[in-house]
Amino acid sequence: MDTGTHLVVGLGLAGLAYVDPVVAANPSVATAVLIGTVAGSQAPDLDTLLRFKGNAVYIKNHRGLSHSIPALFIWTALISGLLWLFFDGLPMAHVTMWVFIAVAFHVFTDLFNTYGTQALRPFSDRWVSWNIIHIFDPVIFLSHILAIFLWALQLARPEVLFPLLYVFIAVYYIWRSWVHHDLESRLYKKDASYKPGDRYTLIPTVHLHHWQIIKQGSDGWFTLGEYKNGIIKWIDRVTCDNHPAVDASKSHPNIASFLYFTSFACAEVKEHPWGYEVRWMDVRYRHRKQYPFVAVLMMDTKFRTLDSYVGWVSESRLEKKLRVDLY
């Protein structure tokens, strides 16, 4: 989820905590829980600070160790410990429980996005992304905003309002999961160009009934499309280049980080008088007829690195980030 949604979820869980009689009976405890759930809903994304070490480091590690099973307990212990220092006489078992719920809920909801997490570490470093909920979902965000608004104006009691909210959220997640599974399993029947071996991945958008489609052929190419109003519309086809420069690029740390993160990478090679430009694209992210999430490596004719870039960028900005004298 995006930062804003995680924030309103943290506030929502503070409201839900009023079902706990210990929290509801003591304003000081309720305040500590509010701080704890908001902090817990944000804590796993503190690995965003890795951006200061470079995009490649950030891409490889974001939603990695910070979202792992041990991290759930580490974040909970750190936040609860700090609350214990600033609040006297806290019932720590209750406060810690609600902080843990906030941290765990953050990681759990991130599993439903396309970006994915390594939530199974240390047992597996596989990226888990269920592609069910868009990183910003208006239904989740606005339902929380409405509930928080009613709570703030004392128009509804939190111990009644927020259980109803989270029953609704649970039903919504179940419904979206069923729709995703049902559509993805039947896409081949709706695709007139289907060939045995084709694989389909359904990607959510901010619109409830509009999905993006990635079809991966057995020969390595990708076809991008959309599913809207029960109709498939193919909009682009990406053919991955097979070139010695592509193989050589895989050994570069920045490219290796990019490939570690995504299994939907496709490379294209441009030859120049000075050497080769290898551009790896993550085809899950298409915007305005471009693929802005890239890893680019410039090499001379002997495959020695000249420059590189990893991250989100437009075509015009990419030329500024790489060495202008190469163009």
Protein backbone atom coordinates (compact mmCIF):
# COMPACT_ATOMS: atom_id res chain seq x y z
CA MET A 1 0.00 0.00 0.00
CA ASP A 2 0.98 3.63 -0.29
CA THR A 3 2.07 5.66 2.74
CA GLY A 4 -1.25 7.52 3.02
CA THR A 5 -3.29 4.33 3.16
CA HIS A 6 -0.97 2.79 5.75
CA LEU A 7 -1.45 5.94 7.83
CA VAL A 8 -5.27 5.82 7.80
CA VAL A 9 -5.13 2.09 8.55
CA GLY A 10 -2.99 2.88 11.60
CA LEU A 11 -5.64 5.36 12.77
CA GLY A 12 -8.37 2.84 12.00
CA LEU A 13 -6.69 0.16 14.10
CA ALA A 14 -6.45 2.65 16.97
CA GLY A 15 -10.23 2.98 16.71
CA LEU A 16 -10.64 -0.79 16.53
CA ALA A 17 -8.60 -1.08 19.74
CA TYR A 18 -11.58 0.31 21.67
CA VAL A 19 -13.06 -3.19 21.55
CA ASP A 20 -10.36 -3.91 24.16
CA PRO A 21 -11.88 -2.87 27.53
CA VAL A 22 -8.46 -1.95 28.92
CA VAL A 23 -7.89 0.52 26.07
CA ALA A 24 -11.41 1.95 26.17
CA ALA A 25 -11.28 2.54 29.95
CA ASN A 26 -8.09 4.61 30.04
CA PRO A 27 -7.43 7.67 27.81
CA SER A 28 -3.70 7.41 28.46
CA VAL A 29 -3.62 3.81 27.24
CA ALA A 30 -5.77 4.76 24.24
CA THR A 31 -3.29 7.52 23.36
CA ALA A 32 -0.34 5.14 23.62
CA VAL A 33 -2.15 2.62 21.42
CA LEU A 34 -2.93 5.34 18.87
CA ILE A 35 0.75 6.30 18.68
CA GLY A 36 1.73 2.63 18.55
CA THR A 37 -0.65 1.61 15.76
CA VAL A 38 0.25 4.63 13.62
CA ALA A 39 3.98 3.96 14.14
CA GLY A 40 3.50 0.24 13.58
CA SER A 41 1.59 0.85 10.35
CA GLN A 42 4.57 2.82 9.00
CA ALA A 43 7.58 1.06 10.53
CA PRO A 44 8.21 -1.67 7.89
CA ASP A 45 8.59 1.01 5.23
CA LEU A 46 11.46 2.71 7.07
CA ASP A 47 13.68 0.77 4.67
CA THR A 48 12.83 3.61 2.26
CA LEU A 49 15.90 5.25 3.82
CA LEU A 50 17.94 2.82 1.72
CA ARG A 51 17.39 5.25 -1.16
CA PHE A 52 20.30 7.21 0.28
CA LYS A 53 22.54 4.24 -0.61
CA GLY A 54 21.33 4.27 -4.21
CA ASN A 55 18.35 3.04 -6.16
CA ALA A 56 19.85 -0.39 -6.80
CA VAL A 57 20.27 -1.06 -3.09
CA TYR A 58 16.77 0.23 -2.38
CA ILE A 59 15.10 -1.83 -5.12
CA LYS A 60 16.83 -5.02 -4.02
CA ASN A 61 15.99 -4.61 -0.34
CA HIS A 62 12.75 -2.60 -0.10
CA ARG A 63 10.03 -4.78 1.43
CA GLY A 64 12.70 -7.39 2.11
CA LEU A 65 14.10 -7.90 5.61
CA SER A 66 11.92 -5.08 6.97
CA HIS A 67 8.83 -7.10 6.05
CA SER A 68 10.16 -10.49 7.17
CA ILE A 69 8.79 -12.67 9.96
CA PRO A 70 11.54 -11.69 12.46
CA ALA A 71 10.94 -8.01 11.61
CA LEU A 72 7.33 -8.27 12.80
CA PHE A 73 8.59 -8.92 16.32
CA ILE A 74 11.54 -6.52 16.12
CA TRP A 75 9.38 -3.56 15.05
CA THR A 76 6.82 -4.45 17.72
CA ALA A 77 9.46 -4.63 20.44
CA LEU A 78 11.08 -1.34 19.42
CA ILE A 79 7.83 0.62 19.28
CA SER A 80 6.40 -0.90 22.44
CA GLY A 81 9.69 -0.30 24.28
CA LEU A 82 9.67 3.38 23.34
CA LEU A 83 6.07 3.73 24.47
CA TRP A 84 6.98 2.12 27.79
CA LEU A 85 9.68 4.78 28.29
CA PHE A 86 7.27 7.69 27.76
CA PHE A 87 4.06 6.38 29.39
CA ASP A 88 3.92 5.34 33.03
CA GLY A 89 2.03 2.27 34.11
CA LEU A 90 1.08 1.01 30.67
CA PRO A 91 -0.55 -2.43 30.45
CA MET A 92 2.18 -3.56 28.07
CA ALA A 93 0.53 -6.81 27.03
CA HIS A 94 -2.42 -4.89 25.58
CA VAL A 95 -0.34 -2.13 23.99
CA THR A 96 2.13 -4.60 22.50
CA MET A 97 -0.69 -6.67 21.03
CA TRP A 98 -2.14 -3.69 19.16
CA VAL A 99 1.27 -2.57 17.92
CA PHE A 100 1.92 -6.08 16.62
CA ILE A 101 -1.47 -6.11 14.86
CA ALA A 102 -0.57 -2.84 13.11
CA VAL A 103 2.85 -4.10 11.96
CA ALA A 104 1.49 -7.46 10.83
CA PHE A 105 -1.45 -5.82 9.03
CA HIS A 106 0.98 -3.62 7.08
CA VAL A 107 2.95 -6.62 5.85
CA PHE A 108 -0.15 -8.70 5.17
CA THR A 109 -1.80 -6.04 3.01
CA ASP A 110 1.43 -5.48 1.06
CA LEU A 111 1.23 -9.10 -0.08
CA PHE A 112 -1.84 -8.23 -2.14
CA ASN A 113 0.00 -5.60 -4.24
CA THR A 114 2.02 -6.09 -7.42
CA TYR A 115 5.29 -4.85 -5.92
CA GLY A 116 5.41 -7.76 -3.49
CA THR A 117 7.33 -8.49 -0.28
CA GLN A 118 9.73 -11.07 1.09
CA ALA A 119 7.39 -11.80 3.97
CA LEU A 120 8.46 -15.48 4.11
CA ARG A 121 12.03 -14.71 5.12
CA PRO A 122 14.04 -16.33 6.69
CA PHE A 123 12.39 -19.47 5.29
CA SER A 124 12.36 -18.20 1.70
CA ASP A 125 13.64 -15.10 -0.08
CA ARG A 126 10.97 -15.46 -2.76
CA TRP A 127 9.07 -12.28 -3.62
CA VAL A 128 5.39 -12.77 -2.84
CA SER A 129 2.99 -10.57 -4.81
CA TRP A 130 -0.61 -11.65 -5.25
CA ASN A 131 -1.58 -8.85 -7.70
CA ILE A 132 -5.04 -8.43 -6.18
CA ILE A 133 -5.17 -4.92 -4.72
CA HIS A 134 -3.68 -1.80 -6.34
CA ILE A 135 -1.04 -0.03 -4.25
CA PHE A 136 -3.62 2.75 -3.81
CA ASP A 137 -7.13 1.40 -3.47
CA PRO A 138 -9.85 4.09 -3.26
CA VAL A 139 -12.29 1.76 -1.50
CA ILE A 140 -9.87 0.98 1.33
CA PHE A 141 -8.65 4.55 1.67
CA LEU A 142 -12.02 6.32 1.52
CA SER A 143 -13.78 3.85 3.82
CA HIS A 144 -11.12 4.52 6.45
CA ILE A 145 -11.39 8.29 5.94
CA LEU A 146 -15.16 8.12 6.43
CA ALA A 147 -14.87 6.04 9.59
CA ILE A 148 -12.17 8.29 11.06
CA PHE A 149 -14.30 11.36 10.25
CA LEU A 150 -17.34 9.88 12.05
CA TRP A 151 -15.14 8.97 15.02
CA ALA A 152 -13.53 12.41 15.20
CA LEU A 153 -16.92 14.12 15.23
CA GLN A 154 -18.20 11.62 17.82
CA LEU A 155 -21.02 10.59 15.49
CA ALA A 156 -20.35 6.89 16.14
CA ARG A 157 -18.74 4.90 18.92
CA PRO A 158 -15.38 3.43 17.83
CA GLU A 159 -16.08 0.03 19.42
CA VAL A 160 -19.07 -0.28 17.07
CA LEU A 161 -17.87 1.64 14.02
CA PHE A 162 -14.45 0.09 13.45
CA PRO A 163 -15.41 -3.58 13.81
CA LEU A 164 -18.00 -2.91 11.09
CA LEU A 165 -15.30 -1.22 8.98
CA TYR A 166 -12.94 -4.17 9.22
CA VAL A 167 -15.67 -6.72 8.53
CA PHE A 168 -16.33 -4.72 5.36
CA ILE A 169 -12.61 -4.61 4.52
CA ALA A 170 -12.31 -8.39 5.05
CA VAL A 171 -15.27 -9.04 2.76
CA TYR A 172 -13.80 -6.66 0.18
CA TYR A 173 -10.44 -8.49 0.19
CA ILE A 174 -12.16 -11.85 -0.15
CA TRP A 175 -14.30 -10.57 -3.04
CA ARG A 176 -11.30 -9.05 -4.87
CA SER A 177 -9.31 -12.26 -4.37
CA TRP A 178 -12.13 -14.37 -5.80
CA VAL A 179 -12.61 -12.03 -8.79
CA HIS A 180 -8.87 -12.05 -9.52
CA HIS A 181 -8.60 -15.83 -9.35
CA ASP A 182 -11.72 -16.37 -11.42
CA LEU A 183 -10.69 -13.94 -14.19
CA GLU A 184 -7.07 -15.03 -14.36
CA SER A 185 -8.02 -18.71 -14.63
CA ARG A 186 -10.40 -18.00 -17.53
CA LEU A 187 -8.40 -15.46 -19.56
CA TYR A 188 -7.12 -18.03 -22.03
CA LYS A 189 -10.71 -18.82 -22.99
CA LYS A 190 -11.33 -15.16 -23.88
CA ASP A 191 -8.08 -14.76 -25.83
CA ALA A 192 -8.44 -15.70 -29.49
CA SER A 193 -4.63 -15.68 -29.88
CA TYR A 194 -4.02 -18.17 -27.06
CA LYS A 195 -1.37 -20.82 -27.65
CA PRO A 196 -0.50 -23.74 -25.35
CA GLY A 197 2.22 -22.60 -22.95
CA ASP A 198 1.04 -18.98 -22.74
CA ARG A 199 0.90 -17.67 -19.17
CA TYR A 200 -1.36 -14.86 -17.99
CA THR A 201 -0.85 -12.46 -15.09
CA LEU A 202 -3.64 -10.11 -14.07
CA ILE A 203 -2.52 -6.78 -12.60
CA PRO A 204 -4.94 -4.55 -10.61
CA THR A 205 -5.59 -0.88 -11.36
CA VAL A 206 -7.34 1.80 -9.28
CA HIS A 207 -10.57 0.90 -11.11
CA LEU A 208 -12.50 -2.06 -9.73
CA HIS A 209 -13.40 -3.59 -13.10
CA HIS A 210 -10.30 -2.65 -15.08
CA TRP A 211 -7.25 -4.92 -15.01
CA GLN A 212 -3.95 -4.98 -16.86
CA ILE A 213 -2.83 -8.24 -18.46
CA ILE A 214 0.63 -9.63 -19.05
CA LYS A 215 0.78 -12.60 -21.38
CA GLN A 216 4.14 -14.36 -21.45
CA GLY A 217 4.83 -16.68 -24.35
CA SER A 218 7.03 -19.75 -24.24
CA ASP A 219 9.56 -18.00 -26.49
CA GLY A 220 10.15 -15.22 -23.96
CA TRP A 221 8.09 -12.36 -25.43
CA PHE A 222 5.50 -10.38 -23.50
CA THR A 223 2.15 -9.12 -24.74
CA LEU A 224 0.56 -6.33 -22.71
CA GLY A 225 -3.15 -5.67 -22.63
CA GLU A 226 -6.13 -4.72 -20.53
CA TYR A 227 -9.30 -6.42 -19.42
CA LYS A 228 -12.23 -4.03 -19.23
CA ASN A 229 -15.97 -4.63 -19.31
CA GLY A 230 -15.40 -8.29 -20.08
CA ILE A 231 -13.22 -7.59 -23.13
CA ILE A 232 -9.49 -8.16 -23.69
CA LYS A 233 -7.65 -5.47 -25.62
CA TRP A 234 -4.00 -6.05 -26.49
CA ILE A 235 -2.03 -2.81 -26.60
CA ASP A 236 1.66 -3.69 -26.89
CA ARG A 237 4.08 -6.49 -27.58
CA VAL A 238 7.60 -6.54 -26.14
CA THR A 239 10.21 -8.82 -27.63
CA CYS A 240 13.23 -9.49 -25.45
CA ASP A 241 16.56 -9.24 -27.26
CA ASN A 242 19.00 -12.13 -27.26
CA HIS A 243 22.42 -10.52 -27.51
CA PRO A 244 25.87 -11.01 -25.92
CA ALA A 245 25.53 -7.56 -24.35
CA VAL A 246 22.40 -8.75 -22.52
CA ASP A 247 24.27 -11.68 -21.01
CA ALA A 248 27.21 -9.46 -20.10
CA SER A 249 24.93 -6.94 -18.37
CA LYS A 250 23.61 -9.52 -15.92
CA SER A 251 26.88 -9.52 -14.00
CA HIS A 252 26.64 -5.81 -13.20
CA PRO A 253 25.45 -5.23 -9.58
CA ASN A 254 22.72 -2.77 -10.60
CA ILE A 255 21.27 -5.10 -13.21
CA ALA A 256 21.56 -8.05 -10.83
CA SER A 257 19.56 -6.10 -8.21
CA PHE A 258 16.88 -5.32 -10.77
CA LEU A 259 16.62 -8.94 -11.90
CA TYR A 260 16.58 -10.12 -8.28
CA PHE A 261 13.49 -8.02 -7.69
CA THR A 262 11.38 -8.83 -10.78
CA SER A 263 10.61 -11.89 -12.87
CA PHE A 264 8.96 -9.72 -15.54
CA ALA A 265 12.14 -8.16 -16.91
CA CYS A 266 12.77 -7.81 -20.62
CA ALA A 267 15.94 -6.45 -22.22
CA GLU A 268 16.48 -4.51 -25.41
CA VAL A 269 19.86 -3.59 -26.90
CA LYS A 270 20.85 -0.52 -28.86
CA GLU A 271 24.19 -0.46 -30.63
CA HIS A 272 26.17 2.80 -30.73
CA PRO A 273 29.59 3.76 -32.13
CA TRP A 274 30.93 3.70 -28.58
CA GLY A 275 29.37 0.35 -27.60
CA TYR A 276 26.04 -0.92 -26.32
CA GLU A 277 23.07 0.36 -24.37
CA VAL A 278 21.19 -2.44 -22.61
CA ARG A 279 17.84 -1.46 -21.17
CA TRP A 280 16.00 -3.84 -18.86
CA MET A 281 12.31 -3.01 -18.37
CA ASP A 282 9.82 -4.32 -15.85
CA VAL A 283 6.80 -4.86 -18.10
CA ARG A 284 4.39 -4.88 -15.16
CA TYR A 285 4.57 -1.10 -15.11
CA ARG A 286 3.39 0.60 -18.27
CA HIS A 287 2.55 4.29 -18.31
CA ARG A 288 1.80 6.48 -21.32
CA LYS A 289 3.16 3.92 -23.75
CA GLN A 290 6.44 3.67 -21.83
CA TYR A 291 7.94 1.33 -19.25
CA PRO A 292 9.32 3.73 -16.64
CA PHE A 293 10.78 1.17 -14.23
CA VAL A 294 14.14 0.34 -15.80
CA ALA A 295 17.73 -0.70 -15.31
CA VAL A 296 20.05 0.70 -17.98
CA LEU A 297 23.68 -0.20 -18.54
CA MET A 298 26.03 1.50 -20.97
CA MET A 299 29.01 -0.59 -22.05
CA ASP A 300 31.87 -0.09 -24.49
CA THR A 301 32.56 -2.53 -27.31
CA LYS A 302 34.40 -4.81 -24.87
CA PHE A 303 31.44 -4.86 -22.47
CA ARG A 304 33.13 -2.64 -19.91
CA THR A 305 30.78 -0.44 -17.90
CA LEU A 306 30.52 3.22 -18.88
CA ASP A 307 27.46 4.24 -16.90
CA SER A 308 24.29 2.81 -15.39
CA TYR A 309 20.98 3.77 -13.86
CA VAL A 310 18.22 1.92 -12.00
CA GLY A 311 14.83 3.30 -11.04
CA TRP A 312 11.70 5.07 -12.18
CA VAL A 313 12.31 7.57 -14.92
CA SER A 314 10.90 9.13 -18.07
CA GLU A 315 12.73 9.00 -21.39
CA SER A 316 13.78 12.64 -21.16
CA ARG A 317 15.04 12.34 -17.58
CA LEU A 318 16.96 9.17 -18.39
CA GLU A 319 19.19 10.99 -20.86
CA LYS A 320 20.02 13.56 -18.19
CA LYS A 321 20.89 10.91 -15.60
CA LEU A 322 23.21 9.01 -17.91
CA ARG A 323 26.28 10.51 -19.51
CA VAL A 324 25.09 13.02 -22.07
CA ASP A 325 28.28 12.73 -24.11
CA LEU A 326 27.34 9.15 -25.01
CA TYR A 327 24.30 10.28 -27.01
